[in-house]
Amino acid sequence: MKVYDNLFGELRHEEYWPPFQGPQVWSHLATKRSESGRPKLSRIRTEMNIREERQLRKCSYCRTEEHTRIHCPNNPGLR
């Protein structure tokens, strides 16, 4: 668009840039975002978040604690 023609000049090669006269800032590695994979949880855990007992999983089909629905011998849809 002609509106922006005069606002941005041509960016010259890095060799022509004047030397930088400011402080160098380095990032903190602990706060660096990982490049791939699932994001890590950064929530602060409190006493309210801790479970006291681990409940056993029950089968949602027959309600027994021996297995889950995927391995249920009583589920006719999985035979």
Protein backbone atom coordinates (compact mmCIF):
# COMPACT_ATOMS: atom_id res chain seq x y z
CA MET A 1 0.00 0.00 0.00
CA LYS A 2 1.24 3.48 -0.80
CA VAL A 3 0.39 4.71 2.71
CA TYR A 4 3.34 2.83 4.21
CA ASP A 5 5.89 3.45 1.45
CA ASN A 6 7.72 6.30 3.23
CA LEU A 7 7.51 4.97 6.80
CA PHE A 8 9.91 2.06 6.50
CA GLY A 9 13.32 2.46 4.93
CA GLU A 10 15.49 -0.24 3.47
CA LEU A 11 17.18 -2.39 6.10
CA ARG A 12 20.90 -2.44 5.42
CA HIS A 13 23.26 -5.37 5.98
CA GLU A 14 24.47 -5.95 9.56
CA GLU A 15 28.02 -4.90 8.66
CA TYR A 16 26.82 -1.31 8.20
CA TRP A 17 25.13 -1.07 11.59
CA PRO A 18 26.79 1.15 14.24
CA PRO A 19 28.20 -0.72 17.29
CA PHE A 20 25.74 -1.23 20.14
CA GLN A 21 26.40 0.98 23.18
CA GLY A 22 24.09 -0.55 25.82
CA PRO A 23 24.00 -3.31 28.40
CA GLN A 24 23.87 -6.90 27.21
CA VAL A 25 20.83 -8.75 28.54
CA TRP A 26 20.86 -12.55 28.86
CA SER A 27 17.75 -14.61 29.38
CA HIS A 28 17.26 -16.77 32.46
CA LEU A 29 17.36 -20.42 31.36
CA ALA A 30 14.76 -21.55 33.93
CA THR A 31 12.15 -19.24 32.43
CA LYS A 32 12.94 -20.15 28.84
CA ARG A 33 10.03 -21.76 27.02
CA SER A 34 10.71 -25.25 25.76
CA GLU A 35 10.61 -25.60 22.01
CA SER A 36 8.54 -28.74 21.70
CA GLY A 37 6.29 -31.02 23.69
CA ARG A 38 3.53 -30.48 26.19
CA PRO A 39 3.88 -27.35 28.36
CA LYS A 40 5.06 -27.89 31.93
CA LEU A 41 2.70 -27.01 34.78
CA SER A 42 3.88 -23.92 36.66
CA ARG A 43 1.10 -23.78 39.27
CA ILE A 44 2.15 -23.47 42.90
CA ARG A 45 0.85 -26.49 44.82
CA THR A 46 -0.70 -26.00 48.27
CA GLU A 47 -1.91 -28.38 50.98
CA MET A 48 -5.37 -28.30 49.46
CA ASN A 49 -4.08 -29.78 46.18
CA ILE A 50 -2.45 -32.86 47.74
CA ARG A 51 -4.51 -36.06 47.81
CA GLU A 52 -4.33 -38.13 50.96
CA GLU A 53 -5.36 -41.48 49.49
CA ARG A 54 -5.17 -42.75 45.96
CA GLN A 55 -8.55 -44.13 44.91
CA LEU A 56 -8.56 -47.31 42.87
CA ARG A 57 -10.01 -47.12 39.40
CA LYS A 58 -13.30 -48.86 38.84
CA CYS A 59 -14.71 -50.35 35.69
CA SER A 60 -17.41 -47.99 34.40
CA TYR A 61 -19.30 -50.95 32.94
CA CYS A 62 -19.53 -53.43 35.86
CA ARG A 63 -18.25 -51.22 38.76
CA THR A 64 -15.54 -53.58 40.02
CA GLU A 65 -12.06 -52.43 41.03
CA GLU A 66 -10.25 -55.33 39.35
CA HIS A 67 -10.09 -53.79 35.86
CA THR A 68 -11.21 -50.85 33.71
CA ARG A 69 -13.82 -50.71 30.96
CA ILE A 70 -11.24 -51.38 28.26
CA HIS A 71 -10.43 -54.82 29.71
CA CYS A 72 -13.90 -55.67 31.08
CA PRO A 73 -14.89 -59.31 30.40
CA ASN A 74 -18.58 -58.40 30.76
CA ASN A 75 -18.61 -55.70 28.05
CA PRO A 76 -20.21 -57.21 24.91
CA GLY A 77 -19.01 -54.33 22.70
CA LEU A 78 -15.37 -55.32 23.16
CA ARG A 79 -15.68 -59.00 22.25
